Amino acid sequence: MARIEKTFAGIQDRAALIPYICAGDPNAETTLAVMHALVRHGADILELGIPFSDPMADGPVIQHASERALAAGMTLEKVLNIVAQFRQTDTSTPVVLMGYANPIEAMGRAIFAEAATKAGVDGVLIVDYPPEEYDEFGILLKSKQIDPIFLLAPTSTVERIQQVASIASGYLYYVSLRGVTGSAQLNIEEVEQRVKLIKQYANIPVGVGFGISDAQSAKRIASVADAVVIGSKLVDTMHQASNDQVIQGVSVAVEQAAAEWIATIAQALKKE
């Protein structure tokens, strides 16, 4: 059983918690430390962003995180190295890479799939690869036991939902808002209706993200979804904690801020 499937199977009576951070923000050492800290404080699956110079689907918070990571020298190869280091001591927590097509195309799809497998990647979500682009790439990923994960939006038609559901594995990521990451104004009733619709055609878990910024909104989404995906607020919390307190390359303040904040979300997802 693949790690993502096994993780969802092992969670009882609550939604999974999937935090997103941008690899290399503020540096590789801190990213690795934060990944472990998030797991210790309640994360079930980690989404690790591949920084890109034009993250068109992301709001200002994650755009700036990508800029900082790129300025610090982060590359796709280094992202994979972070995952490999993470796997040296954590062999059970799934890691999903989230990003854009350009870095993967520059590396080469086959080379990327092989390198991702060796590093210990469990899933890949490429924002600007439509399902049509996954015909060969999806087969390649699945041959390496990597789940191709897709976004669905409030505007996704039934035809598109069916198309995505037929090729996706791991989980589906429903974007709860129209707009970019970091938006606000969640409509829980609409989210519930859309998740129910998706589940009519998909037999894998449905995670919901965008617009989840605190324990209250996370708890509300957890009542209608299989997983809560949370990124912009976490990334911003980490950035606000940045200071000069660095020990052996790790920003201790950033690691601590991430751990403390995700712990509040994990607590909110527990059944009362």
Protein backbone atom coordinates (compact mmCIF):
# COMPACT_ATOMS: atom_id res chain seq x y z
CA MET A 1 0.00 0.00 0.00
CA ALA A 2 1.35 3.43 -0.99
CA ARG A 3 2.17 5.88 1.81
CA ILE A 4 -0.65 8.33 1.00
CA GLU A 5 -3.27 5.58 0.83
CA LYS A 6 -1.94 4.03 4.03
CA THR A 7 -2.04 7.38 5.82
CA PHE A 8 -5.67 8.04 4.97
CA ALA A 9 -6.58 4.46 5.86
CA GLY A 10 -5.02 4.90 9.28
CA ILE A 11 -6.89 8.08 10.20
CA GLN A 12 -10.08 7.50 12.15
CA ASP A 13 -12.93 9.97 12.72
CA ARG A 14 -11.16 13.13 11.60
CA ALA A 15 -9.81 14.89 8.54
CA ALA A 16 -6.16 14.60 7.59
CA LEU A 17 -3.97 17.66 8.04
CA ILE A 18 -1.84 18.61 5.03
CA PRO A 19 0.33 21.70 5.51
CA TYR A 20 2.16 23.36 2.62
CA ILE A 21 5.54 25.05 2.86
CA CYS A 22 7.82 26.36 0.13
CA ALA A 23 11.11 24.46 -0.10
CA GLY A 24 14.08 26.71 0.58
CA ASP A 25 12.22 29.47 2.41
CA PRO A 26 14.23 30.73 4.19
CA ASN A 27 16.81 28.02 3.45
CA ALA A 28 17.12 24.27 2.88
CA GLU A 29 18.21 23.47 6.44
CA THR A 30 15.21 25.23 7.95
CA THR A 31 12.84 23.58 5.48
CA LEU A 32 14.03 20.15 6.57
CA ALA A 33 13.73 21.06 10.25
CA VAL A 34 10.25 22.48 9.72
CA MET A 35 9.10 19.33 7.88
CA HIS A 36 10.02 17.21 10.89
CA ALA A 37 8.49 19.74 13.30
CA LEU A 38 5.19 19.77 11.39
CA VAL A 39 4.98 15.99 11.59
CA ARG A 40 5.75 16.00 15.32
CA HIS A 41 2.95 18.49 15.89
CA GLY A 42 0.16 16.88 13.90
CA ALA A 43 0.74 16.97 10.14
CA ASP A 44 -0.32 13.79 8.34
CA ILE A 45 0.96 14.58 4.85
CA LEU A 46 3.39 17.29 3.75
CA GLU A 47 3.06 19.40 0.63
CA LEU A 48 6.43 20.79 -0.36
CA GLY A 49 6.38 23.63 -2.85
CA ILE A 50 8.88 23.74 -5.70
CA PRO A 51 9.78 27.44 -5.96
CA PHE A 52 9.14 29.01 -9.34
CA SER A 53 9.65 32.52 -10.68
CA ASP A 54 6.05 32.89 -11.94
CA PRO A 55 3.70 31.07 -9.55
CA MET A 56 0.54 32.30 -11.26
CA ALA A 57 -1.96 30.38 -9.10
CA ASP A 58 -0.47 31.62 -5.85
CA GLY A 59 -1.17 34.77 -3.93
CA PRO A 60 1.42 37.27 -2.68
CA VAL A 61 2.46 35.27 0.40
CA ILE A 62 3.56 32.18 -1.52
CA GLN A 63 4.87 34.27 -4.43
CA HIS A 64 7.22 36.04 -2.02
CA ALA A 65 8.20 32.72 -0.44
CA SER A 66 9.18 31.43 -3.89
CA GLU A 67 11.19 34.57 -4.52
CA ARG A 68 13.04 34.18 -1.22
CA ALA A 69 13.73 30.50 -1.89
CA LEU A 70 15.05 31.15 -5.39
CA ALA A 71 17.21 34.01 -4.09
CA ALA A 72 18.65 31.57 -1.54
CA GLY A 73 19.62 29.22 -4.38
CA MET A 74 16.84 26.63 -4.22
CA THR A 75 16.44 24.40 -7.29
CA LEU A 76 14.36 21.34 -8.13
CA GLU A 77 17.40 19.15 -7.57
CA LYS A 78 17.85 20.65 -4.10
CA VAL A 79 14.15 20.17 -3.33
CA LEU A 80 14.57 16.47 -4.07
CA ASN A 81 17.64 16.41 -1.86
CA ILE A 82 15.60 17.83 1.03
CA VAL A 83 13.07 15.02 0.58
CA ALA A 84 15.89 12.46 0.52
CA GLN A 85 17.29 13.85 3.77
CA PHE A 86 13.82 13.80 5.32
CA ARG A 87 13.49 10.13 4.38
CA GLN A 88 16.64 9.26 6.30
CA THR A 89 14.67 9.50 9.55
CA ASP A 90 11.01 9.56 8.47
CA THR A 91 9.95 6.70 6.24
CA SER A 92 6.20 6.92 6.87
CA THR A 93 4.99 10.50 6.33
CA PRO A 94 3.92 11.11 2.71
CA VAL A 95 5.55 14.00 0.86
CA VAL A 96 3.81 15.62 -2.10
CA LEU A 97 5.67 18.01 -4.39
CA MET A 98 3.55 20.92 -5.59
CA GLY A 99 4.63 23.33 -8.28
CA TYR A 100 4.68 24.25 -11.94
CA ALA A 101 5.63 22.50 -15.14
CA ASN A 102 8.67 24.56 -16.13
CA PRO A 103 11.23 23.13 -13.65
CA ILE A 104 10.11 19.58 -14.44
CA GLU A 105 10.24 20.14 -18.19
CA ALA A 106 13.72 21.64 -17.80
CA MET A 107 14.88 18.55 -15.93
CA GLY A 108 13.00 16.15 -18.19
CA ARG A 109 9.92 14.21 -17.13
CA ALA A 110 11.57 10.79 -17.07
CA ILE A 111 14.63 12.05 -15.18
CA PHE A 112 12.37 13.84 -12.70
CA ALA A 113 10.20 10.77 -12.09
CA GLU A 114 13.25 8.61 -11.46
CA ALA A 115 14.87 11.17 -9.17
CA ALA A 116 11.63 11.74 -7.27
CA THR A 117 11.27 8.01 -6.68
CA LYS A 118 14.82 7.72 -5.35
CA ALA A 119 14.26 10.72 -3.06
CA GLY A 120 11.09 9.25 -1.57
CA VAL A 121 8.40 11.47 -3.10
CA ASP A 122 4.85 10.09 -2.80
CA GLY A 123 2.79 12.46 -4.93
CA VAL A 124 3.14 15.20 -7.51
CA LEU A 125 0.74 18.10 -8.07
CA ILE A 126 1.66 20.28 -11.03
CA VAL A 127 -0.66 23.27 -11.19
CA ASP A 128 -0.32 23.98 -14.90
CA TYR A 129 -0.40 20.40 -16.20
CA PRO A 130 -4.01 19.83 -17.25
CA PRO A 131 -5.30 16.24 -17.24
CA GLU A 132 -4.61 16.02 -20.97
CA GLU A 133 -0.90 16.50 -20.25
CA TYR A 134 -0.90 13.58 -17.84
CA ASP A 135 -1.56 10.83 -20.39
CA GLU A 136 2.08 9.76 -20.50
CA PHE A 137 3.38 11.58 -17.44
CA GLY A 138 0.68 10.10 -15.21
CA ILE A 139 1.52 6.60 -16.40
CA LEU A 140 5.19 7.33 -15.79
CA LEU A 141 4.53 8.56 -12.25
CA LYS A 142 2.31 5.62 -11.38
CA SER A 143 4.94 3.21 -12.70
CA LYS A 144 7.22 4.72 -10.04
CA GLN A 145 4.52 4.42 -7.34
CA ILE A 146 4.05 8.20 -7.30
CA ASP A 147 0.48 9.50 -7.12
CA PRO A 148 -0.55 12.14 -9.67
CA ILE A 149 -2.67 14.65 -7.74
CA PHE A 150 -4.97 17.21 -9.32
CA LEU A 151 -6.72 20.44 -8.48
CA LEU A 152 -10.46 20.85 -8.92
CA ALA A 153 -12.14 24.24 -8.71
CA PRO A 154 -15.62 25.60 -8.00
CA THR A 155 -15.93 26.07 -11.76
CA SER A 156 -14.91 22.50 -12.66
CA THR A 157 -17.60 20.82 -14.76
CA VAL A 158 -18.87 17.31 -14.16
CA GLU A 159 -17.01 16.28 -17.30
CA ARG A 160 -13.74 17.64 -15.91
CA ILE A 161 -14.35 16.02 -12.52
CA GLN A 162 -14.91 12.67 -14.23
CA GLN A 163 -11.80 13.13 -16.35
CA VAL A 164 -9.62 13.94 -13.36
CA ALA A 165 -11.12 11.22 -11.18
CA SER A 166 -10.30 8.62 -13.81
CA ILE A 167 -6.55 9.27 -13.65
CA ALA A 168 -5.85 10.74 -10.20
CA SER A 169 -4.64 8.77 -7.20
CA GLY A 170 -3.67 9.61 -3.64
CA TYR A 171 -6.18 12.39 -3.12
CA LEU A 172 -7.88 15.21 -4.98
CA TYR A 173 -7.30 18.82 -3.99
CA TYR A 174 -10.45 20.92 -4.18
CA VAL A 175 -9.77 24.65 -4.37
CA SER A 176 -12.50 26.10 -2.19
CA LEU A 177 -12.32 29.63 -3.57
CA ARG A 178 -12.23 31.42 -6.88
CA GLY A 179 -8.92 33.24 -7.00
CA VAL A 180 -5.38 32.68 -5.82
CA THR A 181 -3.98 31.12 -2.67
CA GLY A 182 -4.44 33.19 0.43
CA SER A 183 -7.91 34.40 -0.53
CA ALA A 184 -10.69 34.68 2.03
CA GLN A 185 -14.48 34.34 2.39
CA LEU A 186 -15.12 30.62 2.69
CA ASN A 187 -18.61 29.41 1.87
CA ILE A 188 -18.84 26.16 3.81
CA GLU A 189 -22.19 25.19 2.31
CA GLU A 190 -20.86 25.52 -1.22
CA VAL A 191 -17.74 23.57 -0.31
CA GLU A 192 -19.84 20.75 1.14
CA GLN A 193 -21.98 20.55 -1.98
CA ARG A 194 -18.97 20.48 -4.28
CA VAL A 195 -17.15 17.84 -2.23
CA LYS A 196 -20.26 15.65 -2.34
CA LEU A 197 -20.42 16.11 -6.11
CA ILE A 198 -16.75 15.18 -6.54
CA LYS A 199 -17.22 12.10 -4.39
CA GLN A 200 -19.91 10.86 -6.76
CA TYR A 201 -17.18 10.34 -9.36
CA ALA A 202 -14.00 9.85 -7.32
CA ASN A 203 -13.13 6.93 -5.04
CA ILE A 204 -10.15 8.64 -3.40
CA PRO A 205 -10.08 11.20 -0.57
CA VAL A 206 -10.88 14.84 -1.26
CA GLY A 207 -8.80 17.49 0.45
CA VAL A 208 -9.88 21.14 0.56
CA GLY A 209 -7.58 24.14 0.56
CA PHE A 210 -7.46 27.91 -0.07
CA GLY A 211 -8.98 30.34 2.42
CA ILE A 212 -8.18 28.25 5.52
CA SER A 213 -6.33 30.58 7.85
CA ASP A 214 -7.09 29.55 11.42
CA ALA A 215 -8.33 26.76 13.65
CA GLN A 216 -11.97 27.75 13.22
CA SER A 217 -11.94 27.68 9.42
CA ALA A 218 -9.92 24.45 9.46
CA LYS A 219 -12.47 22.81 11.74
CA ARG A 220 -15.33 23.90 9.50
CA ILE A 221 -13.67 22.46 6.40
CA ALA A 222 -12.77 19.27 8.27
CA SER A 223 -16.47 18.66 8.87
CA VAL A 224 -17.09 18.22 5.12
CA ALA A 225 -13.74 17.06 3.66
CA ASP A 226 -11.32 14.17 4.03
CA ALA A 227 -8.35 16.51 4.45
CA VAL A 228 -7.57 20.12 5.23
CA VAL A 229 -4.81 21.66 3.12
CA ILE A 230 -3.32 24.82 4.58
CA GLY A 231 -0.50 26.92 3.19
CA SER A 232 -0.50 30.69 2.95
CA LYS A 233 -1.13 31.40 6.62
CA LEU A 234 1.54 28.90 7.67
CA VAL A 235 4.06 30.35 5.22
CA ASP A 236 3.28 33.86 6.45
CA THR A 237 3.56 32.78 10.09
CA MET A 238 6.99 31.34 9.39
CA HIS A 239 8.12 34.47 7.58
CA GLN A 240 6.91 36.76 10.36
CA ALA A 241 9.03 34.74 12.78
CA SER A 242 12.21 35.17 10.75
CA ASN A 243 15.11 36.67 12.66
CA ASP A 244 18.81 36.18 13.13
CA GLN A 245 18.46 33.25 15.54
CA VAL A 246 20.14 30.61 13.36
CA ILE A 247 21.79 27.48 14.75
CA GLN A 248 23.77 25.33 12.29
CA GLY A 249 21.85 26.78 9.37
CA VAL A 250 18.39 26.32 10.92
CA SER A 251 16.23 29.30 11.81
CA VAL A 252 15.01 28.15 15.20
CA ALA A 253 12.36 30.85 15.42
CA VAL A 254 10.83 29.80 12.10
CA GLU A 255 10.81 26.13 13.11
CA GLN A 256 9.20 26.94 16.45
CA ALA A 257 6.58 29.23 14.91
CA ALA A 258 5.59 26.58 12.37
CA ALA A 259 5.33 23.90 15.05
CA GLU A 260 3.26 25.99 17.43
CA TRP A 261 0.88 27.19 14.75
CA ILE A 262 0.25 23.79 13.13
CA ALA A 263 -0.36 22.32 16.59
CA THR A 264 -3.36 24.64 17.03
CA ILE A 265 -4.79 23.42 13.72
CA ALA A 266 -4.17 19.76 14.58
CA GLN A 267 -5.93 20.23 17.91
CA ALA A 268 -8.93 21.78 16.16
CA LEU A 269 -9.27 18.75 13.88
CA LYS A 270 -9.52 16.30 16.76
CA LYS A 271 -12.99 15.03 17.53
CA GLU A 272 -14.41 16.43 20.75
